Protein backbone atom coordinates (compact mmCIF):
# COMPACT_ATOMS: atom_id res chain seq x y z
CA UNK A 1 133.03 26.64 117.81
CA UNK A 2 130.42 28.58 119.67
CA UNK A 3 133.12 30.63 121.44
CA UNK A 4 134.77 31.59 118.15
CA UNK A 5 131.48 32.39 116.39
CA UNK A 6 129.76 34.26 119.21
CA UNK A 7 130.96 37.76 118.27
CA UNK A 8 130.17 37.24 114.57
CA UNK A 9 126.82 38.45 113.26
CA UNK A 10 127.34 37.61 109.58
CA UNK A 11 129.79 35.70 107.38
CA UNK A 12 133.05 37.39 106.43
CA UNK A 13 132.51 37.95 102.70
CA UNK A 14 136.24 38.33 102.01
CA UNK A 15 137.10 35.05 103.73
CA UNK A 16 134.17 33.25 102.09
CA UNK A 17 135.36 34.42 98.68
CA UNK A 18 138.91 33.25 99.44
CA UNK A 19 137.58 29.86 100.60
CA UNK A 20 135.43 29.49 97.49
CA UNK A 21 138.42 30.37 95.33
CA UNK A 22 140.66 27.89 97.19
CA UNK A 23 138.11 25.06 96.86
CA UNK A 24 136.79 26.03 93.44
CA UNK A 25 133.35 26.63 94.95
CA UNK A 26 133.50 23.42 96.96
CA UNK A 27 134.68 21.11 94.19
CA UNK A 28 138.15 20.60 95.74
CA UNK A 29 137.47 19.81 99.38
CA UNK A 30 140.13 17.10 99.81
CA UNK A 31 142.06 18.97 102.50
CA UNK A 32 138.88 19.58 104.49
CA UNK A 33 137.62 16.03 103.98
CA UNK A 34 140.91 14.80 105.41
CA UNK A 35 140.49 17.03 108.47
CA UNK A 36 136.92 15.77 108.90
CA UNK A 37 138.21 12.20 108.73
CA UNK A 38 140.77 12.95 111.45
CA UNK A 39 138.09 14.51 113.64
CA UNK A 40 135.83 11.48 113.26
CA UNK A 41 138.74 9.12 113.91
CA UNK A 42 139.36 11.02 117.15
CA UNK A 43 135.67 10.71 118.14
CA UNK A 44 135.69 6.96 117.43
CA UNK A 45 138.91 6.46 119.41
CA UNK A 46 137.58 8.41 122.42
CA UNK A 47 134.30 6.46 122.31
CA UNK A 48 136.14 3.13 122.20
CA UNK A 49 138.37 4.16 125.10
CA UNK A 50 135.32 5.24 127.10
CA UNK A 51 133.51 1.96 126.35
CA UNK A 52 136.54 -0.09 127.43
CA UNK A 53 136.90 1.94 130.62
CA UNK A 54 133.20 1.40 131.39
CA UNK A 55 133.57 -2.35 130.74
CA UNK A 56 136.58 -2.56 133.05
CA UNK A 57 134.56 -0.72 135.70
CA UNK A 58 131.93 -3.47 135.47
CA UNK A 59 129.41 -1.88 133.10
CA UNK A 60 128.84 -4.06 130.03
CA UNK A 61 126.08 -1.93 128.46
CA UNK A 62 127.61 -0.15 125.50
CA UNK A 63 130.66 -2.30 124.81
CA UNK A 64 128.76 -4.89 122.80
CA UNK A 65 126.04 -2.62 121.43
CA UNK A 66 126.02 -0.69 118.16
CA UNK A 67 129.49 0.62 117.32
CA UNK A 68 130.61 3.79 115.61
CA UNK A 69 133.27 2.82 113.09
CA UNK A 70 133.89 5.86 110.93
CA UNK A 71 132.68 8.50 108.52
CA UNK A 72 129.71 6.47 107.26
CA UNK A 73 128.19 6.53 110.75
CA UNK A 74 127.81 10.33 110.66
CA UNK A 75 125.77 12.79 108.66
CA UNK A 76 127.38 16.13 107.91
CA UNK A 77 124.73 18.83 108.20
CA UNK A 78 127.02 21.86 108.19
CA UNK A 79 130.63 22.77 108.61
CA UNK A 80 132.61 25.69 109.93
CA UNK A 81 136.03 26.59 108.57
CA UNK A 82 138.14 28.64 110.95
CA UNK A 83 140.90 30.30 109.01
CA UNK A 84 143.32 32.96 110.18
CA UNK A 85 144.39 35.77 107.92
CA UNK A 86 148.02 35.51 109.08
CA UNK A 87 150.33 33.43 111.30
CA UNK A 88 149.79 35.65 114.37
CA UNK A 89 145.99 35.29 114.12
CA UNK A 90 146.40 31.55 113.54
CA UNK A 91 148.43 31.27 116.75
CA UNK A 92 145.85 33.32 118.69
CA UNK A 93 143.00 31.12 117.40
CA UNK A 94 144.88 27.96 118.35
CA UNK A 95 145.28 29.23 121.91
CA UNK A 96 141.50 29.78 122.22
CA UNK A 97 140.65 26.21 121.19
CA UNK A 98 140.65 23.33 123.69
CA UNK A 99 143.72 21.13 123.08
CA UNK A 100 141.64 18.07 122.08
CA UNK A 101 139.95 20.02 119.28
CA UNK A 102 143.19 21.08 117.62
CA UNK A 103 143.74 19.00 114.51
CA UNK A 104 146.88 19.00 112.43
CA UNK A 105 146.80 20.78 109.11
């Protein structure tokens, strides 16, 4: 996210207006909530895989400690929507993101 935001000095008013129109000023966020759920599911899966690998390597520490199970274990303090104006820009943005951060639409 930092890489994509670095050249920006202020929000894109046109894109913010389009996003607000699409979501009815944040009242219809279902699509984005679903993407957030997928991102958290990915975090939980990676954490579980890491804990199991550590256990198999002989480290018991985190395997039986507090577990992250889903959305309720996180607090959303802000969000960033990365939206391309057209298919070409969308493809260029996708190439700049690490493969593990690419979530399906």
